[in-house]
Amino acid sequence: MKIIDDLISTLNFDAPVKDIRQGVFHTGVLTRYCGLAATLPRDALKQDGRLQKRSSSKHQGGQVE
Protein backbone atom coordinates (compact mmCIF):
# COMPACT_ATOMS: atom_id res chain seq x y z
CA MET A 1 0.00 0.00 0.00
CA LYS A 2 1.29 3.39 -0.93
CA ILE A 3 0.25 5.15 2.28
CA ILE A 4 2.08 2.60 4.45
CA ASP A 5 5.17 2.81 2.25
CA ASP A 6 5.06 6.61 2.51
CA LEU A 7 4.84 6.46 6.30
CA ILE A 8 7.66 3.93 6.61
CA SER A 9 9.89 5.99 4.33
CA THR A 10 9.77 8.88 6.86
CA LEU A 11 11.03 6.79 9.78
CA ASN A 12 14.51 7.22 11.20
CA PHE A 13 15.72 3.67 11.84
CA ASP A 14 18.85 4.97 13.61
CA ALA A 15 16.86 6.50 16.49
CA PRO A 16 17.62 4.57 19.70
CA VAL A 17 14.74 2.83 21.47
CA LYS A 18 14.78 4.05 25.08
CA ASP A 19 11.90 2.00 26.48
CA ILE A 20 9.11 -0.38 25.47
CA ARG A 21 6.06 -0.98 27.67
CA GLN A 22 3.50 -3.61 26.79
CA GLY A 23 0.16 -3.85 28.52
CA VAL A 24 -2.83 -6.07 27.96
CA PHE A 25 -4.28 -3.81 25.27
CA HIS A 26 -1.54 -1.28 24.38
CA THR A 27 2.14 -1.14 23.50
CA GLY A 28 4.13 2.06 23.99
CA VAL A 29 7.56 2.72 22.50
CA LEU A 30 9.77 5.62 23.59
CA THR A 31 12.42 6.87 21.18
CA ARG A 32 12.87 10.57 20.41
CA TYR A 33 9.08 10.63 20.51
CA CYS A 34 6.49 8.28 21.98
CA GLY A 35 4.34 5.90 19.98
CA LEU A 36 1.28 3.98 21.13
CA ALA A 37 -0.43 1.07 19.42
CA ALA A 38 -3.38 -1.16 20.24
CA THR A 39 -2.37 -4.78 20.84
CA LEU A 40 -5.67 -6.56 21.21
CA PRO A 41 -5.63 -10.25 21.96
CA ARG A 42 -7.04 -12.33 19.14
CA ASP A 43 -10.28 -13.11 21.01
CA ALA A 44 -10.83 -9.70 22.68
CA LEU A 45 -13.51 -8.63 20.25
CA LYS A 46 -15.37 -11.96 20.47
CA GLN A 47 -16.46 -11.50 24.10
CA ASP A 48 -20.16 -11.98 24.80
CA GLY A 49 -21.80 -9.28 26.86
CA ARG A 50 -20.11 -6.73 29.11
CA LEU A 51 -16.82 -7.51 30.82
CA GLN A 52 -17.81 -5.87 34.12
CA LYS A 53 -21.10 -5.51 35.98
CA ARG A 54 -21.01 -1.71 36.13
CA SER A 55 -18.83 1.15 35.08
CA SER A 56 -16.41 2.71 37.54
CA SER A 57 -16.76 6.06 35.78
CA LYS A 58 -18.80 8.68 37.58
CA HIS A 59 -19.65 10.14 34.18
CA GLN A 60 -21.62 7.01 33.35
CA GLY A 61 -23.41 6.74 36.70
CA GLY A 62 -21.13 4.14 38.29
CA GLN A 63 -19.39 4.46 41.62
CA VAL A 64 -15.78 3.74 42.52
CA GLU A 65 -15.60 1.40 45.50
PDB file of N, CA and C in Angstrom:
ATOM      1  N   MET A   1       0.827  -1.185   0.000  1.00  0.00           N
ATOM      2  CA  MET A   1       0.000   0.000   0.000  1.00  0.00           C
ATOM      3  C   MET A   1       0.870   1.246   0.000  1.00  0.00           C
ATOM      4  N   LYS A   2       0.490   2.184  -0.798  1.00  0.00           N
ATOM      5  CA  LYS A   2       1.289   3.391  -0.932  1.00  0.00           C
ATOM      6  C   LYS A   2       1.341   4.197   0.358  1.00  0.00           C
ATOM      7  N   ILE A   3       0.235   4.324   1.068  1.00  0.00           N
ATOM      8  CA  ILE A   3       0.246   5.147   2.280  1.00  0.00           C
ATOM      9  C   ILE A   3       1.170   4.554   3.348  1.00  0.00           C
ATOM     10  N   ILE A   4       1.182   3.240   3.473  1.00  0.00           N
ATOM     11  CA  ILE A   4       2.078   2.604   4.454  1.00  0.00           C
ATOM     12  C   ILE A   4       3.525   2.777   4.034  1.00  0.00           C
ATOM     13  N   ASP A   5       3.808   2.599   2.752  1.00  0.00           N
ATOM     14  CA  ASP A   5       5.168   2.805   2.246  1.00  0.00           C
ATOM     15  C   ASP A   5       5.631   4.240   2.480  1.00  0.00           C
ATOM     16  N   ASP A   6       4.714   5.203   2.274  1.00  0.00           N
ATOM     17  CA  ASP A   6       5.059   6.612   2.509  1.00  0.00           C
ATOM     18  C   ASP A   6       5.373   6.874   3.979  1.00  0.00           C
ATOM     19  N   LEU A   7       4.593   6.295   4.866  1.00  0.00           N
ATOM     20  CA  LEU A   7       4.842   6.465   6.304  1.00  0.00           C
ATOM     21  C   LEU A   7       6.167   5.833   6.720  1.00  0.00           C
ATOM     22  N   ILE A   8       6.423   4.628   6.259  1.00  0.00           N
ATOM     23  CA  ILE A   8       7.663   3.929   6.609  1.00  0.00           C
ATOM     24  C   ILE A   8       8.879   4.670   6.077  1.00  0.00           C
ATOM     25  N   SER A   9       8.745   5.290   4.921  1.00  0.00           N
ATOM     26  CA  SER A   9       9.893   5.994   4.333  1.00  0.00           C
ATOM     27  C   SER A   9      10.302   7.219   5.160  1.00  0.00           C
ATOM     28  N   THR A  10       9.433   7.711   6.034  1.00  0.00           N
ATOM     29  CA  THR A  10       9.768   8.880   6.857  1.00  0.00           C
ATOM     30  C   THR A  10      10.420   8.501   8.179  1.00  0.00           C
ATOM     31  N   LEU A  11      10.481   7.221   8.493  1.00  0.00           N
ATOM     32  CA  LEU A  11      11.030   6.791   9.782  1.00  0.00           C
ATOM     33  C   LEU A  11      12.546   6.876   9.815  1.00  0.00           C
ATOM     34  N   ASN A  12      13.073   7.209  10.986  1.00  0.00           N
ATOM     35  CA  ASN A  12      14.514   7.222  11.201  1.00  0.00           C
ATOM     36  C   ASN A  12      14.875   5.939  11.947  1.00  0.00           C
ATOM     37  N   PHE A  13      15.422   4.968  11.233  1.00  0.00           N
ATOM     38  CA  PHE A  13      15.721   3.673  11.839  1.00  0.00           C
ATOM     39  C   PHE A  13      16.954   3.719  12.738  1.00  0.00           C
ATOM     40  N   ASP A  14      17.677   4.834  12.752  1.00  0.00           N
ATOM     41  CA  ASP A  14      18.848   4.973  13.608  1.00  0.00           C
ATOM     42  C   ASP A  14      18.508   5.572  14.972  1.00  0.00           C
ATOM     43  N   ALA A  15      17.261   5.935  15.199  1.00  0.00           N
ATOM     44  CA  ALA A  15      16.861   6.500  16.495  1.00  0.00           C
ATOM     45  C   ALA A  15      16.876   5.393  17.546  1.00  0.00           C
ATOM     46  N   PRO A  16      17.549   5.623  18.673  1.00  0.00           N
ATOM     47  CA  PRO A  16      17.621   4.574  19.699  1.00  0.00           C
ATOM     48  C   PRO A  16      16.269   4.391  20.401  1.00  0.00           C
ATOM     49  N   VAL A  17      15.943   3.146  20.697  1.00  0.00           N
ATOM     50  CA  VAL A  17      14.739   2.833  21.470  1.00  0.00           C
ATOM     51  C   VAL A  17      15.113   2.920  22.941  1.00  0.00           C
ATOM     52  N   LYS A  18      14.460   3.825  23.669  1.00  0.00           N
ATOM     53  CA  LYS A  18      14.777   4.048  25.079  1.00  0.00           C
ATOM     54  C   LYS A  18      13.974   3.136  25.998  1.00  0.00           C
ATOM     55  N   ASP A  19      12.741   2.816  25.610  1.00  0.00           N
ATOM     56  CA  ASP A  19      11.898   1.997  26.478  1.00  0.00           C
ATOM     57  C   ASP A  19      10.733   1.434  25.672  1.00  0.00           C
ATOM     58  N   ILE A  20      10.299   0.245  26.043  1.00  0.00           N
ATOM     59  CA  ILE A  20       9.112  -0.376  25.469  1.00  0.00           C
ATOM     60  C   ILE A  20       8.271  -0.874  26.630  1.00  0.00           C
ATOM     61  N   ARG A  21       6.989  -0.518  26.641  1.00  0.00           N
ATOM     62  CA  ARG A  21       6.060  -0.979  27.673  1.00  0.00           C
ATOM     63  C   ARG A  21       4.897  -1.666  26.985  1.00  0.00           C
ATOM     64  N   GLN A  22       4.622  -2.893  27.390  1.00  0.00           N
ATOM     65  CA  GLN A  22       3.505  -3.609  26.789  1.00  0.00           C
ATOM     66  C   GLN A  22       2.492  -3.948  27.858  1.00  0.00           C
ATOM     67  N   GLY A  23       1.261  -3.537  27.623  1.00  0.00           N
ATOM     68  CA  GLY A  23       0.162  -3.847  28.520  1.00  0.00           C
ATOM     69  C   GLY A  23      -0.752  -4.865  27.868  1.00  0.00           C
ATOM     70  N   VAL A  24      -1.883  -5.095  28.493  1.00  0.00           N
ATOM     71  CA  VAL A  24      -2.828  -6.068  27.957  1.00  0.00           C
ATOM     72  C   VAL A  24      -3.387  -5.609  26.613  1.00  0.00           C
ATOM     73  N   PHE A  25      -3.645  -4.309  26.485  1.00  0.00           N
ATOM     74  CA  PHE A  25      -4.280  -3.814  25.270  1.00  0.00           C
ATOM     75  C   PHE A  25      -3.467  -2.772  24.512  1.00  0.00           C
ATOM     76  N   HIS A  26      -2.324  -2.324  25.041  1.00  0.00           N
ATOM     77  CA  HIS A  26      -1.542  -1.279  24.376  1.00  0.00           C
ATOM     78  C   HIS A  26      -0.052  -1.574  24.461  1.00  0.00           C
ATOM     79  N   THR A  27       0.682  -1.093  23.477  1.00  0.00           N
ATOM     80  CA  THR A  27       2.136  -1.139  23.500  1.00  0.00           C
ATOM     81  C   THR A  27       2.640   0.278  23.265  1.00  0.00           C
ATOM     82  N   GLY A  28       3.532   0.741  24.134  1.00  0.00           N
ATOM     83  CA  GLY A  28       4.130   2.061  23.994  1.00  0.00           C
ATOM     84  C   GLY A  28       5.616   1.927  23.736  1.00  0.00           C
ATOM     85  N   VAL A  29       6.139   2.731  22.833  1.00  0.00           N
ATOM     86  CA  VAL A  29       7.562   2.720  22.499  1.00  0.00           C
ATOM     87  C   VAL A  29       8.079   4.147  22.631  1.00  0.00           C
ATOM     88  N   LEU A  30       9.162   4.307  23.385  1.00  0.00           N
ATOM     89  CA  LEU A  30       9.766   5.617  23.586  1.00  0.00           C
ATOM     90  C   LEU A  30      11.094   5.672  22.838  1.00  0.00           C
ATOM     91  N   THR A  31      11.167   6.582  21.882  1.00  0.00           N
ATOM     92  CA  THR A  31      12.419   6.872  21.176  1.00  0.00           C
ATOM     93  C   THR A  31      12.648   8.363  21.364  1.00  0.00           C
ATOM     94  N   ARG A  32      12.854   9.106  20.288  1.00  0.00           N
ATOM     95  CA  ARG A  32      12.868  10.568  20.414  1.00  0.00           C
ATOM     96  C   ARG A  32      11.472  11.056  20.752  1.00  0.00           C
ATOM     97  N   TYR A  33      10.477  10.346  20.258  1.00  0.00           N
ATOM     98  CA  TYR A  33       9.075  10.631  20.514  1.00  0.00           C
ATOM     99  C   TYR A  33       8.461   9.398  21.166  1.00  0.00           C
ATOM    100  N   CYS A  34       7.177   9.423  21.390  1.00  0.00           N
ATOM    101  CA  CYS A  34       6.494   8.276  21.982  1.00  0.00           C
ATOM    102  C   CYS A  34       5.437   7.781  21.003  1.00  0.00           C
ATOM    103  N   GLY A  35       5.361   6.489  20.839  1.00  0.00           N
ATOM    104  CA  GLY A  35       4.343   5.896  19.977  1.00  0.00           C
ATOM    105  C   GLY A  35       3.481   4.947  20.785  1.00  0.00           C
ATOM    106  N   LEU A  36       2.221   4.844  20.430  1.00  0.00           N
ATOM    107  CA  LEU A  36       1.279   3.984  21.130  1.00  0.00           C
ATOM    108  C   LEU A  36       0.478   3.203  20.101  1.00  0.00           C
ATOM    109  N   ALA A  37       0.332   1.905  20.338  1.00  0.00           N
ATOM    110  CA  ALA A  37      -0.430   1.068  19.419  1.00  0.00           C
ATOM    111  C   ALA A  37      -1.331   0.144  20.210  1.00  0.00           C
ATOM    112  N   ALA A  38      -2.466  -0.189  19.633  1.00  0.00           N
ATOM    113  CA  ALA A  38      -3.377  -1.156  20.245  1.00  0.00           C
ATOM    114  C   ALA A  38      -2.847  -2.556  19.964  1.00  0.00           C
ATOM    115  N   THR A  39      -2.819  -3.392  20.984  1.00  0.00           N
ATOM    116  CA  THR A  39      -2.374  -4.776  20.840  1.00  0.00           C
ATOM    117  C   THR A  39      -3.449  -5.678  21.425  1.00  0.00           C
ATOM    118  N   LEU A  40      -4.555  -5.763  20.721  1.00  0.00           N
ATOM    119  CA  LEU A  40      -5.674  -6.558  21.212  1.00  0.00           C
ATOM    120  C   LEU A  40      -5.390  -8.045  21.073  1.00  0.00           C
ATOM    121  N   PRO A  41      -5.734  -8.803  22.104  1.00  0.00           N
ATOM    122  CA  PRO A  41      -5.634 -10.251  21.962  1.00  0.00           C
ATOM    123  C   PRO A  41      -6.577 -10.722  20.853  1.00  0.00           C
ATOM    124  N   ARG A  42      -6.269 -11.834  20.279  1.00  0.00           N
ATOM    125  CA  ARG A  42      -7.038 -12.334  19.140  1.00  0.00           C
ATOM    126  C   ARG A  42      -8.534 -12.449  19.454  1.00  0.00           C
ATOM    127  N   ASP A  43      -8.884 -12.870  20.668  1.00  0.00           N
ATOM    128  CA  ASP A  43     -10.281 -13.105  21.006  1.00  0.00           C
ATOM    129  C   ASP A  43     -10.941 -11.948  21.748  1.00  0.00           C
ATOM    130  N   ALA A  44     -10.288 -10.810  21.887  1.00  0.00           N
ATOM    131  CA  ALA A  44     -10.826  -9.701  22.676  1.00  0.00           C
ATOM    132  C   ALA A  44     -12.145  -9.180  22.130  1.00  0.00           C
ATOM    133  N   LEU A  45     -12.295  -9.174  20.837  1.00  0.00           N
ATOM    134  CA  LEU A  45     -13.511  -8.629  20.245  1.00  0.00           C
ATOM    135  C   LEU A  45     -14.620  -9.664  20.125  1.00  0.00           C
ATOM    136  N   LYS A  46     -14.375 -10.897  20.564  1.00  0.00           N
ATOM    137  CA  LYS A  46     -15.371 -11.961  20.469  1.00  0.00           C
ATOM    138  C   LYS A  46     -16.093 -12.200  21.796  1.00  0.00           C
ATOM    139  N   GLN A  47     -15.852 -11.345  22.788  1.00  0.00           N
ATOM    140  CA  GLN A  47     -16.464 -11.502  24.104  1.00  0.00           C
ATOM    141  C   GLN A  47     -17.967 -11.312  24.015  1.00  0.00           C
ATOM    142  N   ASP A  48     -18.713 -12.154  24.712  1.00  0.00           N
ATOM    143  CA  ASP A  48     -20.159 -11.983  24.798  1.00  0.00           C
ATOM    144  C   ASP A  48     -20.479 -11.092  25.983  1.00  0.00           C
ATOM    145  N   GLY A  49     -21.346 -10.131  25.772  1.00  0.00           N
ATOM    146  CA  GLY A  49     -21.797  -9.282  26.862  1.00  0.00           C
ATOM    147  C   GLY A  49     -20.726  -8.340  27.369  1.00  0.00           C
ATOM    148  N   ARG A  50     -21.025  -7.674  28.491  1.00  0.00           N
ATOM    149  CA  ARG A  50     -20.108  -6.727  29.106  1.00  0.00           C
ATOM    150  C   ARG A  50     -19.066  -7.459  29.941  1.00  0.00           C
ATOM    151  N   LEU A  51     -17.896  -6.879  30.073  1.00  0.00           N
ATOM    152  CA  LEU A  51     -16.818  -7.510  30.819  1.00  0.00           C
ATOM    153  C   LEU A  51     -16.878  -7.205  32.310  1.00  0.00           C
ATOM    154  N   GLN A  52     -17.650  -6.184  32.704  1.00  0.00           N
ATOM    155  CA  GLN A  52     -17.814  -5.869  34.117  1.00  0.00           C
ATOM    156  C   GLN A  52     -19.270  -5.525  34.379  1.00  0.00           C
ATOM    157  N   LYS A  53     -19.695  -5.702  35.646  1.00  0.00           N
ATOM    158  CA  LYS A  53     -21.096  -5.509  35.980  1.00  0.00           C
ATOM    159  C   LYS A  53     -21.544  -4.066  35.857  1.00  0.00           C
ATOM    160  N   ARG A  54     -20.661  -3.121  36.241  1.00  0.00           N
ATOM    161  CA  ARG A  54     -21.010  -1.708  36.126  1.00  0.00           C
ATOM    162  C   ARG A  54     -19.749  -0.893  35.899  1.00  0.00           C
ATOM    163  N   SER A  55     -19.944   0.271  35.378  1.00  0.00           N
ATOM    164  CA  SER A  55     -18.830   1.154  35.079  1.00  0.00           C
ATOM    165  C   SER A  55     -18.293   1.782  36.355  1.00  0.00           C
ATOM    166  N   SER A  56     -16.999   2.019  36.394  1.00  0.00           N
ATOM    167  CA  SER A  56     -16.411   2.715  37.540  1.00  0.00           C
ATOM    168  C   SER A  56     -16.311   4.209  37.269  1.00  0.00           C
ATOM    169  N   SER A  57     -16.828   4.653  36.137  1.00  0.00           N
ATOM    170  CA  SER A  57     -16.761   6.060  35.777  1.00  0.00           C
ATOM    171  C   SER A  57     -17.965   6.809  36.332  1.00  0.00           C
ATOM    172  N   LYS A  58     -17.714   7.879  37.054  1.00  0.00           N
ATOM    173  CA  LYS A  58     -18.804   8.685  37.585  1.00  0.00           C
ATOM    174  C   LYS A  58     -19.603   9.334  36.463  1.00  0.00           C
ATOM    175  N   HIS A  59     -18.974   9.520  35.304  1.00  0.00           N
ATOM    176  CA  HIS A  59     -19.650  10.141  34.177  1.00  0.00           C
ATOM    177  C   HIS A  59     -20.737   9.245  33.607  1.00  0.00           C
ATOM    178  N   GLN A  60     -20.628   7.936  33.879  1.00  0.00           N
ATOM    179  CA  GLN A  60     -21.620   7.014  33.353  1.00  0.00           C
ATOM    180  C   GLN A  60     -22.536   6.474  34.456  1.00  0.00           C
ATOM    181  N   GLY A  61     -22.507   7.122  35.628  1.00  0.00           N
ATOM    182  CA  GLY A  61     -23.406   6.737  36.700  1.00  0.00           C
ATOM    183  C   GLY A  61     -22.888   5.657  37.637  1.00  0.00           C
ATOM    184  N   GLY A  62     -21.689   5.151  37.401  1.00  0.00           N
ATOM    185  CA  GLY A  62     -21.125   4.144  38.291  1.00  0.00           C
ATOM    186  C   GLY A  62     -20.452   4.771  39.478  1.00  0.00           C
ATOM    187  N   GLN A  63     -20.070   3.961  40.430  1.00  0.00           N
ATOM    188  CA  GLN A  63     -19.387   4.464  41.624  1.00  0.00           C
ATOM    189  C   GLN A  63     -18.104   3.681  41.818  1.00  0.00           C
ATOM    190  N   VAL A  64     -17.061   4.386  42.216  1.00  0.00           N
ATOM    191  CA  VAL A  64     -15.780   3.742  42.520  1.00  0.00           C
ATOM    192  C   VAL A  64     -15.838   3.238  43.949  1.00  0.00           C
ATOM    193  N   GLU A  65     -15.561   1.968  44.141  1.00  0.00           N
ATOM    194  CA  GLU A  65     -15.600   1.399  45.504  1.00  0.00           C
ATOM    195  C   GLU A  65     -14.225   1.344  46.103  1.00  0.00           C
TER     196      GLU A  65
END
